[in-house]
């Protein structure tokens, strides 16, 4: 039996196998959204708003948020002004 852990993606609880990668957790939640992350349309942020590498292992309670790549650039530009 595989041990599962809860992670949260865009405020939705998803049960995934412990230790899988962020990308695989995204695929368990939404194939389409995972595809958009892989193509660079969306970026994955952690609970602090920092980018997360797709090969990062997930842990129980991890929180991820997906945002448009363009939105991330615009927010970074706003912080500079």
PDB file of N, CA and C in Angstrom:
ATOM      1  N   UNK A   1       0.840  -1.178   0.000  1.00  0.00           N
ATOM      2  CA  UNK A   1       0.000   0.000   0.000  1.00  0.00           C
ATOM      3  C   UNK A   1       0.886   1.244   0.000  1.00  0.00           C
ATOM      4  N   UNK A   2       0.591   2.182  -0.873  1.00  0.00           N
ATOM      5  CA  UNK A   2       1.353   3.414  -0.985  1.00  0.00           C
ATOM      6  C   UNK A   2       0.844   4.427   0.030  1.00  0.00           C
ATOM      7  N   UNK A   3       1.769   5.046   0.722  1.00  0.00           N
ATOM      8  CA  UNK A   3       1.426   6.088   1.691  1.00  0.00           C
ATOM      9  C   UNK A   3       1.089   7.374   0.937  1.00  0.00           C
ATOM     10  N   UNK A   4      -0.047   7.977   1.239  1.00  0.00           N
ATOM     11  CA  UNK A   4      -0.425   9.220   0.578  1.00  0.00           C
ATOM     12  C   UNK A   4      -0.356  10.379   1.564  1.00  0.00           C
ATOM     13  N   UNK A   5      -0.171  11.560   1.004  1.00  0.00           N
ATOM     14  CA  UNK A   5      -0.122  12.783   1.800  1.00  0.00           C
ATOM     15  C   UNK A   5      -0.994  13.838   1.125  1.00  0.00           C
ATOM     16  N   UNK A   6      -1.554  14.744   1.920  1.00  0.00           N
ATOM     17  CA  UNK A   6      -2.326  15.824   1.316  1.00  0.00           C
ATOM     18  C   UNK A   6      -1.416  16.990   0.931  1.00  0.00           C
ATOM     19  N   UNK A   7      -1.631  17.517  -0.268  1.00  0.00           N
ATOM     20  CA  UNK A   7      -1.012  18.773  -0.681  1.00  0.00           C
ATOM     21  C   UNK A   7      -2.143  19.660  -1.186  1.00  0.00           C
ATOM     22  N   UNK A   8      -1.879  20.926  -1.297  1.00  0.00           N
ATOM     23  CA  UNK A   8      -2.901  21.871  -1.720  1.00  0.00           C
ATOM     24  C   UNK A   8      -2.416  22.607  -2.960  1.00  0.00           C
ATOM     25  N   UNK A   9      -3.212  22.526  -4.013  1.00  0.00           N
ATOM     26  CA  UNK A   9      -2.886  23.190  -5.270  1.00  0.00           C
ATOM     27  C   UNK A   9      -4.039  24.120  -5.599  1.00  0.00           C
ATOM     28  N   UNK A  10      -3.727  25.412  -5.668  1.00  0.00           N
ATOM     29  CA  UNK A  10      -4.769  26.428  -5.891  1.00  0.00           C
ATOM     30  C   UNK A  10      -5.938  26.221  -4.935  1.00  0.00           C
ATOM     31  N   UNK A  11      -5.615  26.005  -3.666  1.00  0.00           N
ATOM     32  CA  UNK A  11      -6.571  25.873  -2.559  1.00  0.00           C
ATOM     33  C   UNK A  11      -7.385  24.583  -2.601  1.00  0.00           C
ATOM     34  N   UNK A  12      -7.048  23.639  -3.471  1.00  0.00           N
ATOM     35  CA  UNK A  12      -7.744  22.352  -3.523  1.00  0.00           C
ATOM     36  C   UNK A  12      -6.861  21.270  -2.905  1.00  0.00           C
ATOM     37  N   UNK A  13      -7.457  20.503  -2.012  1.00  0.00           N
ATOM     38  CA  UNK A  13      -6.728  19.389  -1.393  1.00  0.00           C
ATOM     39  C   UNK A  13      -6.610  18.253  -2.409  1.00  0.00           C
ATOM     40  N   UNK A  14      -5.383  17.721  -2.527  1.00  0.00           N
ATOM     41  CA  UNK A  14      -5.116  16.613  -3.435  1.00  0.00           C
ATOM     42  C   UNK A  14      -4.319  15.571  -2.654  1.00  0.00           C
ATOM     43  N   UNK A  15      -4.774  14.324  -2.680  1.00  0.00           N
ATOM     44  CA  UNK A  15      -4.031  13.237  -2.042  1.00  0.00           C
ATOM     45  C   UNK A  15      -3.088  12.630  -3.076  1.00  0.00           C
ATOM     46  N   UNK A  16      -1.800  12.615  -2.768  1.00  0.00           N
ATOM     47  CA  UNK A  16      -0.793  12.094  -3.690  1.00  0.00           C
ATOM     48  C   UNK A  16       0.137  11.147  -2.950  1.00  0.00           C
ATOM     49  N   UNK A  17       0.849  10.331  -3.692  1.00  0.00           N
ATOM     50  CA  UNK A  17       1.839   9.433  -3.094  1.00  0.00           C
ATOM     51  C   UNK A  17       2.954  10.264  -2.452  1.00  0.00           C
ATOM     52  N   UNK A  18       3.342   9.880  -1.270  1.00  0.00           N
ATOM     53  CA  UNK A  18       4.402  10.596  -0.558  1.00  0.00           C
ATOM     54  C   UNK A  18       5.679  10.598  -1.380  1.00  0.00           C
ATOM     55  N   UNK A  19       6.321  11.751  -1.461  1.00  0.00           N
ATOM     56  CA  UNK A  19       7.624  11.860  -2.116  1.00  0.00           C
ATOM     57  C   UNK A  19       7.611  12.042  -3.617  1.00  0.00           C
ATOM     58  N   UNK A  20       6.421  12.077  -4.255  1.00  0.00           N
ATOM     59  CA  UNK A  20       6.422  12.313  -5.698  1.00  0.00           C
ATOM     60  C   UNK A  20       6.831  13.754  -5.971  1.00  0.00           C
ATOM     61  N   UNK A  21       7.108  14.062  -7.208  1.00  0.00           N
ATOM     62  CA  UNK A  21       7.546  15.411  -7.564  1.00  0.00           C
ATOM     63  C   UNK A  21       6.357  16.362  -7.675  1.00  0.00           C
ATOM     64  N   UNK A  22       6.665  17.641  -7.638  1.00  0.00           N
ATOM     65  CA  UNK A  22       5.638  18.669  -7.820  1.00  0.00           C
ATOM     66  C   UNK A  22       4.912  18.442  -9.148  1.00  0.00           C
ATOM     67  N   UNK A  23       5.651  18.146 -10.205  1.00  0.00           N
ATOM     68  CA  UNK A  23       5.020  17.928 -11.506  1.00  0.00           C
ATOM     69  C   UNK A  23       4.035  16.763 -11.468  1.00  0.00           C
ATOM     70  N   UNK A  24       4.397  15.660 -10.837  1.00  0.00           N
ATOM     71  CA  UNK A  24       3.486  14.525 -10.750  1.00  0.00           C
ATOM     72  C   UNK A  24       2.265  14.857  -9.891  1.00  0.00           C
ATOM     73  N   UNK A  25       2.454  15.642  -8.853  1.00  0.00           N
ATOM     74  CA  UNK A  25       1.315  16.079  -8.037  1.00  0.00           C
ATOM     75  C   UNK A  25       0.376  16.942  -8.874  1.00  0.00           C
ATOM     76  N   UNK A  26       0.953  17.825  -9.694  1.00  0.00           N
ATOM     77  CA  UNK A  26       0.128  18.643 -10.587  1.00  0.00           C
ATOM     78  C   UNK A  26      -0.646  17.763 -11.560  1.00  0.00           C
ATOM     79  N   UNK A  27      -0.001  16.737 -12.096  1.00  0.00           N
ATOM     80  CA  UNK A  27      -0.671  15.826 -13.029  1.00  0.00           C
ATOM     81  C   UNK A  27      -1.838  15.102 -12.349  1.00  0.00           C
ATOM     82  N   UNK A  28      -1.658  14.736 -11.081  1.00  0.00           N
ATOM     83  CA  UNK A  28      -2.736  14.074 -10.336  1.00  0.00           C
ATOM     84  C   UNK A  28      -3.924  15.018 -10.160  1.00  0.00           C
ATOM     85  N   UNK A  29      -3.642  16.301 -10.072  1.00  0.00           N
ATOM     86  CA  UNK A  29      -4.681  17.314  -9.888  1.00  0.00           C
ATOM     87  C   UNK A  29      -5.316  17.709 -11.217  1.00  0.00           C
ATOM     88  N   UNK A  30      -4.464  18.012 -12.230  1.00  0.00           N
ATOM     89  CA  UNK A  30      -4.979  18.451 -13.526  1.00  0.00           C
ATOM     90  C   UNK A  30      -3.911  18.256 -14.600  1.00  0.00           C
ATOM     91  N   UNK A  31      -4.162  17.327 -15.499  1.00  0.00           N
ATOM     92  CA  UNK A  31      -3.231  17.092 -16.613  1.00  0.00           C
ATOM     93  C   UNK A  31      -3.021  18.369 -17.430  1.00  0.00           C
ATOM     94  N   UNK A  32      -4.106  19.069 -17.712  1.00  0.00           N
ATOM     95  CA  UNK A  32      -4.028  20.282 -18.529  1.00  0.00           C
ATOM     96  C   UNK A  32      -3.178  21.360 -17.891  1.00  0.00           C
ATOM     97  N   UNK A  33      -3.362  21.575 -16.595  1.00  0.00           N
ATOM     98  CA  UNK A  33      -2.575  22.594 -15.896  1.00  0.00           C
ATOM     99  C   UNK A  33      -1.103  22.185 -15.825  1.00  0.00           C
ATOM    100  N   UNK A  34      -0.845  20.889 -15.619  1.00  0.00           N
ATOM    101  CA  UNK A  34       0.540  20.405 -15.606  1.00  0.00           C
ATOM    102  C   UNK A  34       1.197  20.644 -16.964  1.00  0.00           C
ATOM    103  N   UNK A  35       0.440  20.426 -18.029  1.00  0.00           N
ATOM    104  CA  UNK A  35       0.970  20.690 -19.373  1.00  0.00           C
ATOM    105  C   UNK A  35       1.320  22.171 -19.530  1.00  0.00           C
ATOM    106  N   UNK A  36       0.470  23.052 -19.013  1.00  0.00           N
ATOM    107  CA  UNK A  36       0.735  24.491 -19.116  1.00  0.00           C
ATOM    108  C   UNK A  36       1.971  24.903 -18.321  1.00  0.00           C
ATOM    109  N   UNK A  37       2.206  24.233 -17.204  1.00  0.00           N
ATOM    110  CA  UNK A  37       3.421  24.504 -16.425  1.00  0.00           C
ATOM    111  C   UNK A  37       4.641  24.052 -17.215  1.00  0.00           C
ATOM    112  N   UNK A  38       4.562  22.875 -17.815  1.00  0.00           N
ATOM    113  CA  UNK A  38       5.699  22.364 -18.598  1.00  0.00           C
ATOM    114  C   UNK A  38       6.013  23.238 -19.800  1.00  0.00           C
ATOM    115  N   UNK A  39       5.004  23.838 -20.416  1.00  0.00           N
ATOM    116  CA  UNK A  39       5.257  24.691 -21.581  1.00  0.00           C
ATOM    117  C   UNK A  39       5.651  26.112 -21.182  1.00  0.00           C
ATOM    118  N   UNK A  40       5.563  26.433 -19.892  1.00  0.00           N
ATOM    119  CA  UNK A  40       5.979  27.753 -19.429  1.00  0.00           C
ATOM    120  C   UNK A  40       4.869  28.791 -19.385  1.00  0.00           C
ATOM    121  N   UNK A  41       3.638  28.397 -19.682  1.00  0.00           N
ATOM    122  CA  UNK A  41       2.515  29.326 -19.615  1.00  0.00           C
ATOM    123  C   UNK A  41       2.188  29.679 -18.164  1.00  0.00           C
ATOM    124  N   UNK A  42       2.327  28.677 -17.281  1.00  0.00           N
ATOM    125  CA  UNK A  42       2.083  28.865 -15.853  1.00  0.00           C
ATOM    126  C   UNK A  42       3.358  28.566 -15.083  1.00  0.00           C
ATOM    127  N   UNK A  43       3.471  29.183 -13.923  1.00  0.00           N
ATOM    128  CA  UNK A  43       4.592  28.912 -13.023  1.00  0.00           C
ATOM    129  C   UNK A  43       4.008  28.468 -11.683  1.00  0.00           C
ATOM    130  N   UNK A  44       4.751  27.588 -10.978  1.00  0.00           N
ATOM    131  CA  UNK A  44       4.318  27.078  -9.682  1.00  0.00           C
ATOM    132  C   UNK A  44       5.038  27.862  -8.587  1.00  0.00           C
ATOM    133  N   UNK A  45       4.244  28.377  -7.646  1.00  0.00           N
ATOM    134  CA  UNK A  45       4.790  29.086  -6.495  1.00  0.00           C
ATOM    135  C   UNK A  45       4.483  28.314  -5.225  1.00  0.00           C
ATOM    136  N   UNK A  46       5.339  28.472  -4.217  1.00  0.00           N
ATOM    137  CA  UNK A  46       5.065  27.839  -2.928  1.00  0.00           C
ATOM    138  C   UNK A  46       4.227  28.777  -2.069  1.00  0.00           C
ATOM    139  N   UNK A  47       4.022  28.420  -0.827  1.00  0.00           N
ATOM    140  CA  UNK A  47       3.167  29.217   0.057  1.00  0.00           C
ATOM    141  C   UNK A  47       3.735  30.610   0.331  1.00  0.00           C
ATOM    142  N   UNK A  48       5.031  30.804   0.084  1.00  0.00           N
ATOM    143  CA  UNK A  48       5.658  32.118   0.286  1.00  0.00           C
ATOM    144  C   UNK A  48       5.672  32.954  -0.980  1.00  0.00           C
ATOM    145  N   UNK A  49       5.210  32.361  -2.098  1.00  0.00           N
ATOM    146  CA  UNK A  49       5.211  33.078  -3.368  1.00  0.00           C
ATOM    147  C   UNK A  49       6.505  32.917  -4.138  1.00  0.00           C
ATOM    148  N   UNK A  50       7.319  31.948  -3.759  1.00  0.00           N
ATOM    149  CA  UNK A  50       8.587  31.697  -4.448  1.00  0.00           C
ATOM    150  C   UNK A  50       8.418  30.577  -5.470  1.00  0.00           C
ATOM    151  N   UNK A  51       9.107  30.663  -6.608  1.00  0.00           N
ATOM    152  CA  UNK A  51       9.006  29.606  -7.626  1.00  0.00           C
ATOM    153  C   UNK A  51       9.501  28.267  -7.080  1.00  0.00           C
ATOM    154  N   UNK A  52       8.879  27.203  -7.548  1.00  0.00           N
ATOM    155  CA  UNK A  52       9.220  25.846  -7.115  1.00  0.00           C
ATOM    156  C   UNK A  52       9.682  25.046  -8.324  1.00  0.00           C
ATOM    157  N   UNK A  53      10.804  24.345  -8.174  1.00  0.00           N
ATOM    158  CA  UNK A  53      11.288  23.461  -9.239  1.00  0.00           C
ATOM    159  C   UNK A  53      10.337  22.277  -9.368  1.00  0.00           C
ATOM    160  N   UNK A  54      10.063  21.870 -10.591  1.00  0.00           N
ATOM    161  CA  UNK A  54       9.093  20.805 -10.835  1.00  0.00           C
ATOM    162  C   UNK A  54       9.558  19.443 -10.348  1.00  0.00           C
ATOM    163  N   UNK A  55      10.862  19.277 -10.122  1.00  0.00           N
ATOM    164  CA  UNK A  55      11.370  17.989  -9.639  1.00  0.00           C
ATOM    165  C   UNK A  55      11.502  17.939  -8.112  1.00  0.00           C
ATOM    166  N   UNK A  56      10.986  18.961  -7.438  1.00  0.00           N
ATOM    167  CA  UNK A  56      11.011  19.007  -5.981  1.00  0.00           C
ATOM    168  C   UNK A  56      10.052  17.960  -5.410  1.00  0.00           C
ATOM    169  N   UNK A  57      10.495  17.151  -4.432  1.00  0.00           N
ATOM    170  CA  UNK A  57       9.573  16.195  -3.815  1.00  0.00           C
ATOM    171  C   UNK A  57       8.540  16.933  -2.950  1.00  0.00           C
ATOM    172  N   UNK A  58       7.309  16.443  -2.956  1.00  0.00           N
ATOM    173  CA  UNK A  58       6.262  17.065  -2.135  1.00  0.00           C
ATOM    174  C   UNK A  58       6.246  16.444  -0.745  1.00  0.00           C
ATOM    175  N   UNK A  59       5.761  17.224   0.200  1.00  0.00           N
ATOM    176  CA  UNK A  59       5.607  16.779   1.591  1.00  0.00           C
ATOM    177  C   UNK A  59       4.187  17.080   2.044  1.00  0.00           C
ATOM    178  N   UNK A  60       3.751  16.383   3.044  1.00  0.00           N
ATOM    179  CA  UNK A  60       2.401  16.580   3.569  1.00  0.00           C
ATOM    180  C   UNK A  60       2.176  18.043   3.918  1.00  0.00           C
ATOM    181  N   UNK A  61       1.067  18.590   3.420  1.00  0.00           N
ATOM    182  CA  UNK A  61       0.694  19.960   3.743  1.00  0.00           C
ATOM    183  C   UNK A  61       1.285  21.021   2.841  1.00  0.00           C
ATOM    184  N   UNK A  62       2.113  20.626   1.864  1.00  0.00           N
ATOM    185  CA  UNK A  62       2.670  21.622   0.942  1.00  0.00           C
ATOM    186  C   UNK A  62       1.539  22.392   0.265  1.00  0.00           C
ATOM    187  N   UNK A  63       1.796  23.666   0.028  1.00  0.00           N
ATOM    188  CA  UNK A  63       0.827  24.533  -0.630  1.00  0.00           C
ATOM    189  C   UNK A  63       1.472  25.085  -1.895  1.00  0.00           C
ATOM    190  N   UNK A  64       0.780  24.905  -3.024  1.00  0.00           N
ATOM    191  CA  UNK A  64       1.267  25.395  -4.307  1.00  0.00           C
ATOM    192  C   UNK A  64       0.191  26.237  -4.966  1.00  0.00           C
ATOM    193  N   UNK A  65       0.640  27.248  -5.668  1.00  0.00           N
ATOM    194  CA  UNK A  65      -0.279  28.108  -6.403  1.00  0.00           C
ATOM    195  C   UNK A  65       0.268  28.269  -7.812  1.00  0.00           C
ATOM    196  N   UNK A  66      -0.613  28.213  -8.785  1.00  0.00           N
ATOM    197  CA  UNK A  66      -0.216  28.401 -10.175  1.00  0.00           C
ATOM    198  C   UNK A  66      -0.627  29.796 -10.617  1.00  0.00           C
ATOM    199  N   UNK A  67       0.287  30.484 -11.261  1.00  0.00           N
ATOM    200  CA  UNK A  67      -0.050  31.789 -11.830  1.00  0.00           C
ATOM    201  C   UNK A  67       0.510  31.859 -13.242  1.00  0.00           C
ATOM    202  N   UNK A  68      -0.070  32.742 -14.033  1.00  0.00           N
ATOM    203  CA  UNK A  68       0.415  32.947 -15.392  1.00  0.00           C
ATOM    204  C   UNK A  68       1.818  33.532 -15.341  1.00  0.00           C
ATOM    205  N   UNK A  69       2.659  33.099 -16.237  1.00  0.00           N
ATOM    206  CA  UNK A  69       4.038  33.597 -16.284  1.00  0.00           C
ATOM    207  C   UNK A  69       4.052  35.115 -16.442  1.00  0.00           C
ATOM    208  N   UNK A  70       3.180  35.633 -17.276  1.00  0.00           N
ATOM    209  CA  UNK A  70       3.097  37.081 -17.499  1.00  0.00           C
ATOM    210  C   UNK A  70       2.743  37.811 -16.202  1.00  0.00           C
ATOM    211  N   UNK A  71       1.804  37.266 -15.440  1.00  0.00           N
ATOM    212  CA  UNK A  71       1.395  37.871 -14.173  1.00  0.00           C
ATOM    213  C   UNK A  71       2.571  37.955 -13.219  1.00  0.00           C
ATOM    214  N   UNK A  72       3.401  36.926 -13.187  1.00  0.00           N
ATOM    215  CA  UNK A  72       4.574  36.918 -12.314  1.00  0.00           C
ATOM    216  C   UNK A  72       5.533  38.041 -12.707  1.00  0.00           C
ATOM    217  N   UNK A  73       5.761  38.208 -14.014  1.00  0.00           N
ATOM    218  CA  UNK A  73       6.656  39.282 -14.482  1.00  0.00           C
ATOM    219  C   UNK A  73       6.095  40.640 -14.118  1.00  0.00           C
ATOM    220  N   UNK A  74       4.802  40.836 -14.297  1.00  0.00           N
ATOM    221  CA  UNK A  74       4.191  42.131 -13.978  1.00  0.00           C
ATOM    222  C   UNK A  74       4.314  42.427 -12.492  1.00  0.00           C
ATOM    223  N   UNK A  75       4.125  41.443 -11.623  1.00  0.00           N
ATOM    224  CA  UNK A  75       4.250  41.660 -10.190  1.00  0.00           C
ATOM    225  C   UNK A  75       5.688  41.997  -9.818  1.00  0.00           C
ATOM    226  N   UNK A  76       6.655  41.367 -10.449  1.00  0.00           N
ATOM    227  CA  UNK A  76       8.067  41.668 -10.191  1.00  0.00           C
ATOM    228  C   UNK A  76       8.380  43.095 -10.638  1.00  0.00           C
ATOM    229  N   UNK A  77       7.841  43.520 -11.770  1.00  0.00           N
ATOM    230  CA  UNK A  77       8.059  44.889 -12.243  1.00  0.00           C
ATOM    231  C   UNK A  77       7.464  45.903 -11.270  1.00  0.00           C
ATOM    232  N   UNK A  78       6.293  45.615 -10.715  1.00  0.00           N
ATOM    233  CA  UNK A  78       5.661  46.514  -9.754  1.00  0.00           C
ATOM    234  C   UNK A  78       6.509  46.693  -8.512  1.00  0.00           C
ATOM    235  N   UNK A  79       7.184  45.617  -8.068  1.00  0.00           N
ATOM    236  CA  UNK A  79       8.022  45.681  -6.882  1.00  0.00           C
ATOM    237  C   UNK A  79       9.249  46.551  -7.107  1.00  0.00           C
ATOM    238  N   UNK A  80       9.688  46.692  -8.342  1.00  0.00           N
ATOM    239  CA  UNK A  80      10.867  47.487  -8.633  1.00  0.00           C
ATOM    240  C   UNK A  80      10.557  48.990  -8.609  1.00  0.00           C
ATOM    241  N   UNK A  81       9.295  49.372  -8.770  1.00  0.00           N
ATOM    242  CA  UNK A  81       8.936  50.786  -8.831  1.00  0.00           C
ATOM    243  C   UNK A  81       8.511  51.332  -7.504  1.00  0.00           C
TER     244      UNK A  81
END
